[in-house]
Amino acid sequence: MSHAAKKTVSLFYDVMSPYAWIAFEFLCRARNKWNINLALKPIWLAAIVKASGNMPPVPNKKAYSRKDLSRLSTFYSIPINQPANLHEVLMVKGSLSAQRLLTSVQMTQSDMTEHLSRELWMRVYNRALRSLGVPEDRAKGLVESINDSKVKEKLKEVTNEALSYGAFGAPMIIARDENNEEHFLFGSDRMELLASILGEKYEGPLLQYAVTKL
């Protein structure tokens, strides 16, 4: 790892996106190898999709995504349990409450953001809060905070920040190179390119640093 100043990598993500989970886990692992500061930025994917005019996937893409996620789950050793109604989970049920909860945690207890994000992807809300050692009264307060106007405004602010870069989905990555130039990358399959931009070596899924495993 270089001793030069760390480069910043910002991950804009929504826990409704399994591909964002893949990017999230890889970048969390990469911090152990790459000379980077990772900034986690929860956004509301539904607002991104609506504002950008990005339409839901066609049937063939839906079928491909199911197989693709199964392969990626094995490759990255991430326990992605695909529901039978994957499209409904991604495009209909939504994630506004979850993203507001993440935003609230990041505003008040930012050291919990990574862990809570991971637990939310596993869709176990109550267990997520308890497993992080949050007292019951504090957990209740965090859940209630999703209706706080400051939390709502912060999530809107970060979502608009993503849109200002040209976001149309998630995950979206903004990386600054050695010349402080910003690079916009979309998707979880751009890690080799990201490594090149950052002047790092891509060494696969970095399973030795995995927190979640199959």
N, C-alpha and C. Protein backbone atom coordinates (compact mmCIF):
# COMPACT_ATOMS: atom_id res chain seq x y z
N MET A 1 0.85 -1.20 0.00
CA MET A 1 0.00 0.00 0.00
C MET A 1 0.88 1.25 0.00
N SER A 2 0.48 2.22 -0.79
CA SER A 2 1.26 3.44 -0.90
C SER A 2 1.18 4.27 0.38
N HIS A 3 2.25 5.07 0.64
CA HIS A 3 2.26 5.97 1.79
C HIS A 3 1.82 7.37 1.38
N ALA A 4 1.41 7.52 0.13
CA ALA A 4 0.93 8.82 -0.36
C ALA A 4 -0.41 9.13 0.29
N ALA A 5 -0.86 10.36 0.12
CA ALA A 5 -2.15 10.77 0.69
C ALA A 5 -3.25 9.86 0.16
N LYS A 6 -4.17 9.51 1.03
CA LYS A 6 -5.25 8.61 0.64
C LYS A 6 -6.20 9.29 -0.35
N LYS A 7 -6.66 8.51 -1.30
CA LYS A 7 -7.63 8.99 -2.27
C LYS A 7 -9.02 8.69 -1.74
N THR A 8 -9.99 9.51 -2.14
CA THR A 8 -11.36 9.36 -1.65
C THR A 8 -12.22 8.62 -2.67
N VAL A 9 -12.93 7.62 -2.17
CA VAL A 9 -13.89 6.88 -2.97
C VAL A 9 -15.25 7.02 -2.28
N SER A 10 -16.22 7.57 -2.98
CA SER A 10 -17.56 7.74 -2.42
C SER A 10 -18.51 6.73 -3.05
N LEU A 11 -19.22 5.99 -2.20
CA LEU A 11 -20.18 5.01 -2.69
C LEU A 11 -21.59 5.49 -2.37
N PHE A 12 -22.36 5.75 -3.42
CA PHE A 12 -23.76 6.13 -3.28
C PHE A 12 -24.58 4.85 -3.43
N TYR A 13 -25.38 4.52 -2.43
CA TYR A 13 -26.03 3.21 -2.45
C TYR A 13 -27.39 3.21 -1.77
N ASP A 14 -28.16 2.17 -2.10
CA ASP A 14 -29.47 1.93 -1.51
C ASP A 14 -29.52 0.44 -1.18
N VAL A 15 -30.01 0.10 0.00
CA VAL A 15 -29.99 -1.30 0.42
C VAL A 15 -31.00 -2.16 -0.32
N MET A 16 -31.82 -1.58 -1.19
CA MET A 16 -32.70 -2.37 -2.03
C MET A 16 -31.96 -2.96 -3.23
N SER A 17 -30.77 -2.48 -3.50
CA SER A 17 -30.02 -2.96 -4.66
C SER A 17 -29.00 -4.01 -4.26
N PRO A 18 -29.15 -5.26 -4.73
CA PRO A 18 -28.16 -6.29 -4.43
C PRO A 18 -26.80 -6.00 -5.07
N TYR A 19 -26.82 -5.31 -6.20
CA TYR A 19 -25.55 -4.95 -6.84
C TYR A 19 -24.80 -3.91 -6.01
N ALA A 20 -25.56 -3.03 -5.35
CA ALA A 20 -24.93 -2.07 -4.45
C ALA A 20 -24.28 -2.79 -3.27
N TRP A 21 -24.90 -3.89 -2.82
CA TRP A 21 -24.33 -4.67 -1.73
C TRP A 21 -22.97 -5.23 -2.13
N ILE A 22 -22.88 -5.71 -3.37
CA ILE A 22 -21.62 -6.27 -3.86
C ILE A 22 -20.53 -5.19 -3.87
N ALA A 23 -20.87 -4.02 -4.40
CA ALA A 23 -19.89 -2.92 -4.44
C ALA A 23 -19.49 -2.51 -3.03
N PHE A 24 -20.48 -2.45 -2.14
CA PHE A 24 -20.24 -2.08 -0.74
C PHE A 24 -19.26 -3.04 -0.08
N GLU A 25 -19.52 -4.34 -0.19
CA GLU A 25 -18.65 -5.32 0.46
C GLU A 25 -17.24 -5.29 -0.13
N PHE A 26 -17.15 -5.17 -1.45
CA PHE A 26 -15.82 -5.14 -2.06
C PHE A 26 -15.03 -3.93 -1.59
N LEU A 27 -15.66 -2.77 -1.59
CA LEU A 27 -14.94 -1.55 -1.20
C LEU A 27 -14.57 -1.57 0.28
N CYS A 28 -15.42 -2.15 1.10
CA CYS A 28 -15.06 -2.28 2.52
C CYS A 28 -13.84 -3.18 2.67
N ARG A 29 -13.77 -4.22 1.87
CA ARG A 29 -12.60 -5.11 1.89
C ARG A 29 -11.37 -4.39 1.33
N ALA A 30 -11.57 -3.63 0.28
CA ALA A 30 -10.45 -2.98 -0.41
C ALA A 30 -9.73 -1.97 0.47
N ARG A 31 -10.40 -1.44 1.48
CA ARG A 31 -9.74 -0.51 2.39
C ARG A 31 -8.53 -1.15 3.08
N ASN A 32 -8.54 -2.48 3.16
CA ASN A 32 -7.42 -3.18 3.79
C ASN A 32 -6.20 -3.28 2.86
N LYS A 33 -6.43 -3.04 1.57
CA LYS A 33 -5.35 -3.18 0.58
C LYS A 33 -5.03 -1.88 -0.14
N TRP A 34 -6.03 -1.08 -0.37
CA TRP A 34 -5.86 0.13 -1.16
C TRP A 34 -5.72 1.35 -0.25
N ASN A 35 -5.03 2.34 -0.76
CA ASN A 35 -4.79 3.57 0.00
C ASN A 35 -5.96 4.54 -0.22
N ILE A 36 -7.11 4.22 0.39
CA ILE A 36 -8.32 5.00 0.15
C ILE A 36 -9.05 5.32 1.45
N ASN A 37 -9.81 6.40 1.37
CA ASN A 37 -10.84 6.71 2.37
C ASN A 37 -12.17 6.42 1.70
N LEU A 38 -12.99 5.59 2.32
CA LEU A 38 -14.28 5.22 1.75
C LEU A 38 -15.39 6.03 2.42
N ALA A 39 -16.12 6.79 1.61
CA ALA A 39 -17.25 7.59 2.11
C ALA A 39 -18.54 6.89 1.72
N LEU A 40 -19.32 6.48 2.71
CA LEU A 40 -20.59 5.81 2.46
C LEU A 40 -21.70 6.84 2.39
N LYS A 41 -22.46 6.81 1.29
CA LYS A 41 -23.48 7.84 1.05
C LYS A 41 -24.82 7.19 0.70
N PRO A 42 -25.67 6.98 1.70
CA PRO A 42 -27.01 6.42 1.42
C PRO A 42 -27.83 7.39 0.57
N ILE A 43 -28.50 6.83 -0.43
CA ILE A 43 -29.40 7.60 -1.30
C ILE A 43 -30.74 6.88 -1.38
N TRP A 44 -31.73 7.54 -1.96
CA TRP A 44 -33.01 6.88 -2.20
C TRP A 44 -33.10 6.54 -3.67
N LEU A 45 -32.99 5.25 -3.97
CA LEU A 45 -32.91 4.78 -5.35
C LEU A 45 -34.15 5.14 -6.16
N ALA A 46 -35.32 5.05 -5.55
CA ALA A 46 -36.55 5.35 -6.29
C ALA A 46 -36.54 6.77 -6.85
N ALA A 47 -35.99 7.71 -6.08
CA ALA A 47 -35.93 9.10 -6.55
C ALA A 47 -34.93 9.23 -7.70
N ILE A 48 -33.84 8.48 -7.62
CA ILE A 48 -32.84 8.49 -8.70
C ILE A 48 -33.45 7.96 -9.99
N VAL A 49 -34.15 6.83 -9.87
CA VAL A 49 -34.77 6.20 -11.04
C VAL A 49 -35.80 7.13 -11.67
N LYS A 50 -36.62 7.75 -10.84
CA LYS A 50 -37.66 8.64 -11.36
C LYS A 50 -37.07 9.88 -12.01
N ALA A 51 -36.11 10.50 -11.34
CA ALA A 51 -35.53 11.74 -11.85
C ALA A 51 -34.74 11.52 -13.14
N SER A 52 -34.11 10.36 -13.26
CA SER A 52 -33.27 10.09 -14.43
C SER A 52 -34.05 9.48 -15.59
N GLY A 53 -35.29 9.05 -15.32
CA GLY A 53 -36.09 8.44 -16.37
C GLY A 53 -35.67 7.02 -16.68
N ASN A 54 -34.95 6.39 -15.77
CA ASN A 54 -34.48 5.02 -15.95
C ASN A 54 -35.65 4.05 -15.74
N MET A 55 -36.02 3.33 -16.78
CA MET A 55 -37.18 2.45 -16.71
C MET A 55 -36.84 1.11 -16.08
N PRO A 56 -37.83 0.43 -15.48
CA PRO A 56 -37.61 -0.90 -14.92
C PRO A 56 -37.09 -1.86 -15.98
N PRO A 57 -36.40 -2.93 -15.57
CA PRO A 57 -35.80 -3.87 -16.53
C PRO A 57 -36.82 -4.64 -17.35
N VAL A 58 -36.44 -4.97 -18.58
CA VAL A 58 -37.28 -5.80 -19.44
C VAL A 58 -37.21 -7.24 -18.94
N PRO A 59 -38.18 -8.10 -19.32
CA PRO A 59 -38.21 -9.48 -18.82
C PRO A 59 -36.90 -10.24 -18.99
N ASN A 60 -36.25 -10.11 -20.13
CA ASN A 60 -34.99 -10.84 -20.34
C ASN A 60 -33.91 -10.39 -19.36
N LYS A 61 -33.89 -9.10 -19.05
CA LYS A 61 -32.90 -8.60 -18.12
C LYS A 61 -33.19 -9.09 -16.71
N LYS A 62 -34.46 -9.19 -16.36
CA LYS A 62 -34.84 -9.70 -15.05
C LYS A 62 -34.36 -11.14 -14.88
N ALA A 63 -34.55 -11.96 -15.93
CA ALA A 63 -34.12 -13.36 -15.87
C ALA A 63 -32.60 -13.45 -15.77
N TYR A 64 -31.92 -12.60 -16.52
CA TYR A 64 -30.46 -12.59 -16.48
C TYR A 64 -29.95 -12.18 -15.10
N SER A 65 -30.58 -11.16 -14.53
CA SER A 65 -30.13 -10.64 -13.24
C SER A 65 -30.19 -11.71 -12.16
N ARG A 66 -31.22 -12.54 -12.19
CA ARG A 66 -31.33 -13.60 -11.18
C ARG A 66 -30.14 -14.56 -11.27
N LYS A 67 -29.78 -14.97 -12.46
CA LYS A 67 -28.64 -15.87 -12.64
C LYS A 67 -27.33 -15.15 -12.31
N ASP A 68 -27.27 -13.90 -12.73
CA ASP A 68 -26.06 -13.11 -12.52
C ASP A 68 -25.78 -12.93 -11.03
N LEU A 69 -26.80 -12.62 -10.26
CA LEU A 69 -26.63 -12.42 -8.83
C LEU A 69 -26.23 -13.71 -8.12
N SER A 70 -26.72 -14.83 -8.61
CA SER A 70 -26.33 -16.11 -8.04
C SER A 70 -24.84 -16.36 -8.23
N ARG A 71 -24.35 -16.06 -9.42
CA ARG A 71 -22.91 -16.22 -9.69
C ARG A 71 -22.08 -15.26 -8.85
N LEU A 72 -22.52 -14.01 -8.79
CA LEU A 72 -21.78 -13.00 -8.03
C LEU A 72 -21.78 -13.30 -6.54
N SER A 73 -22.89 -13.83 -6.05
CA SER A 73 -22.97 -14.21 -4.64
C SER A 73 -21.88 -15.21 -4.30
N THR A 74 -21.68 -16.18 -5.16
CA THR A 74 -20.64 -17.19 -4.95
C THR A 74 -19.25 -16.59 -5.10
N PHE A 75 -19.05 -15.79 -6.13
CA PHE A 75 -17.73 -15.22 -6.41
C PHE A 75 -17.25 -14.33 -5.26
N TYR A 76 -18.14 -13.49 -4.74
CA TYR A 76 -17.76 -12.56 -3.68
C TYR A 76 -18.02 -13.11 -2.27
N SER A 77 -18.62 -14.29 -2.18
CA SER A 77 -18.99 -14.88 -0.90
C SER A 77 -19.88 -13.94 -0.10
N ILE A 78 -20.96 -13.51 -0.73
CA ILE A 78 -21.95 -12.64 -0.09
C ILE A 78 -23.29 -13.38 -0.12
N PRO A 79 -23.92 -13.55 1.03
CA PRO A 79 -25.17 -14.35 1.10
C PRO A 79 -26.38 -13.60 0.57
N ILE A 80 -26.43 -13.42 -0.74
CA ILE A 80 -27.56 -12.73 -1.36
C ILE A 80 -28.70 -13.72 -1.54
N ASN A 81 -29.71 -13.59 -0.70
CA ASN A 81 -30.89 -14.46 -0.80
C ASN A 81 -31.93 -13.76 -1.67
N GLN A 82 -32.11 -14.28 -2.85
CA GLN A 82 -33.00 -13.62 -3.80
C GLN A 82 -34.45 -14.04 -3.57
N PRO A 83 -35.32 -13.09 -3.24
CA PRO A 83 -36.73 -13.44 -3.08
C PRO A 83 -37.36 -13.78 -4.42
N ALA A 84 -38.44 -14.54 -4.37
CA ALA A 84 -39.12 -14.91 -5.61
C ALA A 84 -39.63 -13.69 -6.34
N ASN A 85 -40.01 -12.66 -5.58
CA ASN A 85 -40.53 -11.42 -6.16
C ASN A 85 -39.44 -10.35 -6.19
N LEU A 86 -38.27 -10.68 -6.73
CA LEU A 86 -37.14 -9.76 -6.74
C LEU A 86 -37.49 -8.41 -7.35
N HIS A 87 -38.21 -8.42 -8.47
CA HIS A 87 -38.57 -7.16 -9.12
C HIS A 87 -39.43 -6.30 -8.20
N GLU A 88 -40.38 -6.94 -7.52
CA GLU A 88 -41.25 -6.20 -6.60
C GLU A 88 -40.45 -5.59 -5.46
N VAL A 89 -39.49 -6.36 -4.93
CA VAL A 89 -38.66 -5.86 -3.84
C VAL A 89 -37.86 -4.65 -4.29
N LEU A 90 -37.30 -4.73 -5.49
CA LEU A 90 -36.44 -3.65 -5.99
C LEU A 90 -37.24 -2.42 -6.42
N MET A 91 -38.35 -2.65 -7.10
CA MET A 91 -39.01 -1.54 -7.77
C MET A 91 -40.34 -1.10 -7.15
N VAL A 92 -40.95 -1.93 -6.30
CA VAL A 92 -42.29 -1.60 -5.79
C VAL A 92 -42.27 -1.32 -4.29
N LYS A 93 -41.74 -2.23 -3.50
CA LYS A 93 -41.78 -2.08 -2.04
C LYS A 93 -40.99 -0.88 -1.57
N GLY A 94 -39.86 -0.64 -2.17
CA GLY A 94 -39.09 0.55 -1.85
C GLY A 94 -38.26 0.45 -0.59
N SER A 95 -37.49 1.51 -0.35
CA SER A 95 -36.49 1.49 0.72
C SER A 95 -36.41 2.81 1.48
N LEU A 96 -37.43 3.64 1.36
CA LEU A 96 -37.35 4.97 1.93
C LEU A 96 -37.08 4.94 3.44
N SER A 97 -37.82 4.12 4.17
CA SER A 97 -37.62 4.05 5.62
C SER A 97 -36.23 3.56 5.97
N ALA A 98 -35.76 2.54 5.26
CA ALA A 98 -34.42 1.99 5.52
C ALA A 98 -33.34 3.03 5.25
N GLN A 99 -33.49 3.77 4.16
CA GLN A 99 -32.49 4.77 3.80
C GLN A 99 -32.51 5.95 4.76
N ARG A 100 -33.70 6.31 5.25
CA ARG A 100 -33.77 7.37 6.26
C ARG A 100 -33.12 6.90 7.56
N LEU A 101 -33.32 5.63 7.91
CA LEU A 101 -32.70 5.09 9.11
C LEU A 101 -31.18 5.15 8.99
N LEU A 102 -30.66 4.75 7.84
CA LEU A 102 -29.21 4.82 7.61
C LEU A 102 -28.72 6.26 7.69
N THR A 103 -29.48 7.17 7.12
CA THR A 103 -29.11 8.58 7.15
C THR A 103 -29.06 9.09 8.58
N SER A 104 -30.06 8.72 9.37
CA SER A 104 -30.10 9.13 10.77
C SER A 104 -28.90 8.61 11.53
N VAL A 105 -28.58 7.35 11.32
CA VAL A 105 -27.42 6.75 11.99
C VAL A 105 -26.14 7.44 11.57
N GLN A 106 -26.02 7.74 10.28
CA GLN A 106 -24.81 8.41 9.81
C GLN A 106 -24.68 9.81 10.39
N MET A 107 -25.78 10.47 10.64
CA MET A 107 -25.76 11.82 11.21
C MET A 107 -25.41 11.83 12.69
N THR A 108 -25.75 10.73 13.39
CA THR A 108 -25.58 10.71 14.85
C THR A 108 -24.55 9.71 15.36
N GLN A 109 -24.40 8.60 14.64
CA GLN A 109 -23.46 7.54 15.06
C GLN A 109 -22.82 6.94 13.81
N SER A 110 -22.02 7.75 13.11
CA SER A 110 -21.50 7.36 11.80
C SER A 110 -20.67 6.08 11.82
N ASP A 111 -20.09 5.73 12.97
CA ASP A 111 -19.29 4.52 13.04
C ASP A 111 -20.15 3.27 12.89
N MET A 112 -21.47 3.42 12.98
CA MET A 112 -22.38 2.28 12.84
C MET A 112 -22.89 2.10 11.42
N THR A 113 -22.61 3.07 10.55
CA THR A 113 -23.22 3.06 9.22
C THR A 113 -22.89 1.80 8.43
N GLU A 114 -21.63 1.41 8.43
CA GLU A 114 -21.24 0.21 7.67
C GLU A 114 -21.96 -1.02 8.18
N HIS A 115 -21.95 -1.22 9.48
CA HIS A 115 -22.54 -2.42 10.06
C HIS A 115 -24.05 -2.46 9.87
N LEU A 116 -24.70 -1.32 10.06
CA LEU A 116 -26.15 -1.29 9.88
C LEU A 116 -26.53 -1.50 8.42
N SER A 117 -25.75 -0.93 7.52
CA SER A 117 -26.02 -1.13 6.09
C SER A 117 -25.99 -2.62 5.76
N ARG A 118 -24.99 -3.30 6.26
CA ARG A 118 -24.84 -4.73 6.01
C ARG A 118 -26.04 -5.50 6.56
N GLU A 119 -26.47 -5.16 7.75
CA GLU A 119 -27.60 -5.85 8.36
C GLU A 119 -28.90 -5.55 7.63
N LEU A 120 -29.05 -4.34 7.16
CA LEU A 120 -30.26 -4.00 6.42
C LEU A 120 -30.34 -4.77 5.11
N TRP A 121 -29.20 -4.99 4.50
CA TRP A 121 -29.21 -5.81 3.28
C TRP A 121 -29.69 -7.21 3.60
N MET A 122 -29.44 -7.66 4.79
CA MET A 122 -29.90 -8.98 5.20
C MET A 122 -31.36 -8.95 5.64
N ARG A 123 -31.96 -7.77 5.60
CA ARG A 123 -33.39 -7.60 5.88
C ARG A 123 -33.78 -8.03 7.28
N VAL A 124 -32.92 -7.79 8.25
CA VAL A 124 -33.27 -8.14 9.63
C VAL A 124 -33.13 -6.88 10.47
N TYR A 125 -34.15 -6.02 10.44
CA TYR A 125 -34.05 -4.70 11.05
C TYR A 125 -33.84 -4.73 12.55
N ASN A 126 -34.68 -5.42 13.30
CA ASN A 126 -34.54 -5.42 14.75
C ASN A 126 -33.25 -6.10 15.19
N ARG A 127 -32.95 -7.25 14.58
CA ARG A 127 -31.71 -7.94 14.92
C ARG A 127 -30.51 -7.09 14.58
N ALA A 128 -30.64 -6.32 13.51
CA ALA A 128 -29.52 -5.46 13.12
C ALA A 128 -29.17 -4.50 14.24
N LEU A 129 -30.17 -3.83 14.79
CA LEU A 129 -29.90 -2.84 15.83
C LEU A 129 -29.40 -3.50 17.10
N ARG A 130 -29.98 -4.61 17.49
CA ARG A 130 -29.54 -5.28 18.72
C ARG A 130 -28.14 -5.84 18.58
N SER A 131 -27.83 -6.41 17.40
CA SER A 131 -26.53 -7.04 17.22
C SER A 131 -25.39 -6.04 17.24
N LEU A 132 -25.71 -4.76 17.05
CA LEU A 132 -24.69 -3.73 17.10
C LEU A 132 -24.55 -3.15 18.50
N GLY A 133 -25.25 -3.73 19.46
CA GLY A 133 -25.14 -3.29 20.84
C GLY A 133 -25.90 -2.02 21.13
N VAL A 134 -26.96 -1.75 20.36
CA VAL A 134 -27.76 -0.55 20.60
C VAL A 134 -28.84 -0.87 21.63
N PRO A 135 -28.90 -0.13 22.73
CA PRO A 135 -29.94 -0.37 23.73
C PRO A 135 -31.32 -0.25 23.11
N GLU A 136 -32.28 -0.94 23.72
CA GLU A 136 -33.63 -0.97 23.16
C GLU A 136 -34.23 0.43 23.02
N ASP A 137 -34.02 1.29 24.02
CA ASP A 137 -34.59 2.63 23.94
C ASP A 137 -33.94 3.44 22.83
N ARG A 138 -32.63 3.22 22.63
CA ARG A 138 -31.91 3.94 21.57
C ARG A 138 -32.35 3.43 20.20
N ALA A 139 -32.55 2.12 20.10
CA ALA A 139 -33.01 1.53 18.84
C ALA A 139 -34.37 2.11 18.46
N LYS A 140 -35.24 2.25 19.45
CA LYS A 140 -36.56 2.83 19.21
C LYS A 140 -36.43 4.27 18.72
N GLY A 141 -35.51 5.01 19.35
CA GLY A 141 -35.29 6.39 18.95
C GLY A 141 -34.80 6.51 17.52
N LEU A 142 -33.92 5.60 17.11
CA LEU A 142 -33.40 5.62 15.75
C LEU A 142 -34.51 5.35 14.75
N VAL A 143 -35.34 4.37 15.06
CA VAL A 143 -36.44 4.05 14.15
C VAL A 143 -37.40 5.24 14.04
N GLU A 144 -37.68 5.89 15.17
CA GLU A 144 -38.58 7.04 15.15
C GLU A 144 -37.97 8.22 14.41
N SER A 145 -36.65 8.28 14.35
CA SER A 145 -35.97 9.42 13.73
C SER A 145 -36.17 9.50 12.23
N ILE A 146 -36.68 8.42 11.62
CA ILE A 146 -36.86 8.45 10.17
C ILE A 146 -37.88 9.49 9.75
N ASN A 147 -38.67 9.96 10.70
CA ASN A 147 -39.67 11.00 10.40
C ASN A 147 -39.17 12.41 10.72
N ASP A 148 -37.94 12.51 11.18
CA ASP A 148 -37.36 13.81 11.51
C ASP A 148 -37.07 14.59 10.22
N SER A 149 -37.45 15.86 10.21
CA SER A 149 -37.28 16.68 9.00
C SER A 149 -35.81 16.81 8.60
N LYS A 150 -34.90 16.85 9.58
CA LYS A 150 -33.47 16.98 9.26
C LYS A 150 -32.96 15.72 8.56
N VAL A 151 -33.45 14.57 9.00
CA VAL A 151 -33.06 13.30 8.38
C VAL A 151 -33.59 13.25 6.95
N LYS A 152 -34.84 13.63 6.76
CA LYS A 152 -35.43 13.64 5.42
C LYS A 152 -34.65 14.56 4.48
N GLU A 153 -34.30 15.74 4.98
CA GLU A 153 -33.57 16.70 4.16
C GLU A 153 -32.17 16.21 3.81
N LYS A 154 -31.53 15.54 4.76
CA LYS A 154 -30.18 15.03 4.50
C LYS A 154 -30.20 13.96 3.43
N LEU A 155 -31.16 13.04 3.51
CA LEU A 155 -31.26 11.99 2.48
C LEU A 155 -31.54 12.62 1.12
N LYS A 156 -32.40 13.62 1.10
CA LYS A 156 -32.71 14.32 -0.16
C LYS A 156 -31.47 15.01 -0.69
N GLU A 157 -30.68 15.61 0.20
CA GLU A 157 -29.46 16.32 -0.20
C GLU A 157 -28.46 15.38 -0.85
N VAL A 158 -28.23 14.22 -0.25
CA VAL A 158 -27.26 13.27 -0.80
C VAL A 158 -27.77 12.65 -2.09
N THR A 159 -29.08 12.40 -2.15
CA THR A 159 -29.68 11.88 -3.39
C THR A 159 -29.50 12.89 -4.52
N ASN A 160 -29.73 14.16 -4.23
CA ASN A 160 -29.54 15.21 -5.24
C ASN A 160 -28.07 15.35 -5.63
N GLU A 161 -27.19 15.11 -4.66
CA GLU A 161 -25.76 15.14 -4.98
C GLU A 161 -25.44 14.06 -6.02
N ALA A 162 -25.99 12.88 -5.82
CA ALA A 162 -25.78 11.80 -6.78
C ALA A 162 -26.33 12.18 -8.15
N LEU A 163 -27.52 12.77 -8.17
CA LEU A 163 -28.12 13.20 -9.43
C LEU A 163 -27.28 14.26 -10.12
N SER A 164 -26.63 15.10 -9.34
CA SER A 164 -25.79 16.16 -9.93
C SER A 164 -24.60 15.57 -10.68
N TYR A 165 -24.21 14.35 -10.32
CA TYR A 165 -23.12 13.67 -11.02
C TYR A 165 -23.63 12.91 -12.25
N GLY A 166 -24.96 12.83 -12.39
CA GLY A 166 -25.54 12.10 -13.51
C GLY A 166 -26.02 10.71 -13.15
N ALA A 167 -26.32 10.47 -11.88
CA ALA A 167 -26.74 9.14 -11.43
C ALA A 167 -28.03 8.71 -12.12
N PHE A 168 -28.13 7.40 -12.39
CA PHE A 168 -29.36 6.84 -12.96
C PHE A 168 -29.72 5.51 -12.30
N GLY A 169 -28.94 5.12 -11.28
CA GLY A 169 -29.19 3.87 -10.57
C GLY A 169 -28.19 3.73 -9.44
N ALA A 170 -28.07 2.51 -8.94
CA ALA A 170 -27.12 2.25 -7.85
C ALA A 170 -26.55 0.83 -8.03
N PRO A 171 -25.29 0.64 -7.67
CA PRO A 171 -24.40 1.58 -6.99
C PRO A 171 -23.73 2.56 -7.95
N MET A 172 -23.38 3.70 -7.41
CA MET A 172 -22.64 4.71 -8.15
C MET A 172 -21.42 5.08 -7.32
N ILE A 173 -20.28 5.17 -8.00
CA ILE A 173 -19.02 5.45 -7.32
C ILE A 173 -18.39 6.71 -7.89
N ILE A 174 -17.95 7.58 -7.03
CA ILE A 174 -17.17 8.74 -7.42
C ILE A 174 -15.79 8.58 -6.82
N ALA A 175 -14.78 8.51 -7.66
CA ALA A 175 -13.40 8.33 -7.19
C ALA A 175 -12.55 9.51 -7.62
N ARG A 176 -11.69 9.93 -6.71
CA ARG A 176 -10.75 11.01 -7.01
C ARG A 176 -9.36 10.41 -7.21
N ASP A 177 -8.73 10.71 -8.35
CA ASP A 177 -7.41 10.16 -8.63
C ASP A 177 -6.32 11.03 -8.01
N GLU A 178 -5.06 10.74 -8.35
CA GLU A 178 -3.93 11.46 -7.74
C GLU A 178 -3.91 12.93 -8.12
N ASN A 179 -4.60 13.29 -9.19
CA ASN A 179 -4.68 14.69 -9.60
C ASN A 179 -5.96 15.35 -9.10
N ASN A 180 -6.68 14.64 -8.22
CA ASN A 180 -7.93 15.11 -7.64
C ASN A 180 -9.04 15.23 -8.67
N GLU A 181 -8.88 14.53 -9.78
CA GLU A 181 -9.92 14.51 -10.81
C GLU A 181 -10.97 13.48 -10.43
N GLU A 182 -12.24 13.84 -10.59
CA GLU A 182 -13.33 12.95 -10.23
C GLU A 182 -13.69 12.02 -11.39
N HIS A 183 -13.95 10.76 -11.05
CA HIS A 183 -14.35 9.76 -12.03
C HIS A 183 -15.66 9.12 -11.57
N PHE A 184 -16.66 9.11 -12.45
CA PHE A 184 -17.97 8.54 -12.16
C PHE A 184 -18.03 7.13 -12.74
N LEU A 185 -18.24 6.15 -11.86
CA LEU A 185 -18.37 4.76 -12.29
C LEU A 185 -19.72 4.23 -11.82
N PHE A 186 -20.35 3.42 -12.65
CA PHE A 186 -21.63 2.83 -12.27
C PHE A 186 -21.52 1.31 -12.24
N GLY A 187 -22.13 0.72 -11.21
CA GLY A 187 -22.21 -0.74 -11.14
C GLY A 187 -21.15 -1.36 -10.25
N SER A 188 -21.34 -2.63 -9.97
CA SER A 188 -20.42 -3.37 -9.10
C SER A 188 -19.34 -4.09 -9.91
N ASP A 189 -19.36 -3.94 -11.22
CA ASP A 189 -18.41 -4.67 -12.09
C ASP A 189 -17.36 -3.74 -12.69
N ARG A 190 -17.04 -2.67 -11.98
CA ARG A 190 -16.03 -1.72 -12.48
C ARG A 190 -14.83 -1.65 -11.54
N MET A 191 -14.61 -2.69 -10.74
CA MET A 191 -13.57 -2.63 -9.73
C MET A 191 -12.15 -2.68 -10.30
N GLU A 192 -11.97 -3.39 -11.40
CA GLU A 192 -10.65 -3.38 -12.05
C GLU A 192 -10.33 -1.99 -12.59
N LEU A 193 -11.33 -1.36 -13.19
CA LEU A 193 -11.15 0.00 -13.70
C LEU A 193 -10.91 0.97 -12.56
N LEU A 194 -11.65 0.80 -11.47
CA LEU A 194 -11.47 1.65 -10.30
C LEU A 194 -10.06 1.52 -9.76
N ALA A 195 -9.56 0.30 -9.68
CA ALA A 195 -8.20 0.08 -9.20
C ALA A 195 -7.20 0.82 -10.08
N SER A 196 -7.40 0.77 -11.39
CA SER A 196 -6.50 1.45 -12.31
C SER A 196 -6.54 2.96 -12.10
N ILE A 197 -7.73 3.51 -11.92
CA ILE A 197 -7.88 4.95 -11.69
C ILE A 197 -7.14 5.38 -10.42
N LEU A 198 -7.20 4.53 -9.40
CA LEU A 198 -6.60 4.85 -8.11
C LEU A 198 -5.12 4.49 -8.03
N GLY A 199 -4.61 3.84 -9.08
CA GLY A 199 -3.21 3.42 -9.06
C GLY A 199 -2.99 2.23 -8.14
N GLU A 200 -4.01 1.39 -8.00
CA GLU A 200 -3.94 0.21 -7.15
C GLU A 200 -3.96 -1.06 -7.99
N LYS A 201 -3.66 -2.17 -7.37
CA LYS A 201 -3.67 -3.46 -8.05
C LYS A 201 -4.95 -4.20 -7.72
N TYR A 202 -5.66 -4.65 -8.76
CA TYR A 202 -6.87 -5.44 -8.55
C TYR A 202 -6.48 -6.88 -8.30
N GLU A 203 -6.94 -7.43 -7.18
CA GLU A 203 -6.57 -8.80 -6.80
C GLU A 203 -7.79 -9.67 -6.51
N GLY A 204 -8.84 -9.47 -7.31
CA GLY A 204 -10.02 -10.31 -7.15
C GLY A 204 -10.91 -9.86 -6.01
N PRO A 205 -11.78 -10.75 -5.52
CA PRO A 205 -12.81 -10.37 -4.54
C PRO A 205 -12.32 -10.16 -3.11
N LEU A 206 -11.03 -10.39 -2.86
CA LEU A 206 -10.44 -10.14 -1.53
C LEU A 206 -11.21 -10.87 -0.43
N LEU A 207 -11.44 -12.14 -0.63
CA LEU A 207 -12.21 -12.94 0.31
C LEU A 207 -11.59 -13.02 1.68
N GLN A 208 -10.28 -12.82 1.76
CA GLN A 208 -9.61 -12.88 3.07
C GLN A 208 -10.06 -11.79 4.01
N TYR A 209 -10.71 -10.76 3.45
CA TYR A 209 -11.20 -9.65 4.28
C TYR A 209 -12.71 -9.65 4.39
N ALA A 210 -13.35 -10.72 3.96
CA ALA A 210 -14.82 -10.77 3.96
C ALA A 210 -15.38 -10.77 5.37
N VAL A 211 -16.42 -9.97 5.58
CA VAL A 211 -17.16 -9.96 6.85
C VAL A 211 -18.36 -10.89 6.71
N THR A 212 -19.06 -10.79 5.59
CA THR A 212 -20.18 -11.70 5.30
C THR A 212 -19.64 -12.85 4.46
N LYS A 213 -20.09 -14.04 4.77
CA LYS A 213 -19.65 -15.23 4.02
C LYS A 213 -20.83 -16.16 3.78
N LEU A 214 -20.73 -16.93 2.71
CA LEU A 214 -21.79 -17.90 2.40
C LEU A 214 -21.80 -19.01 3.44
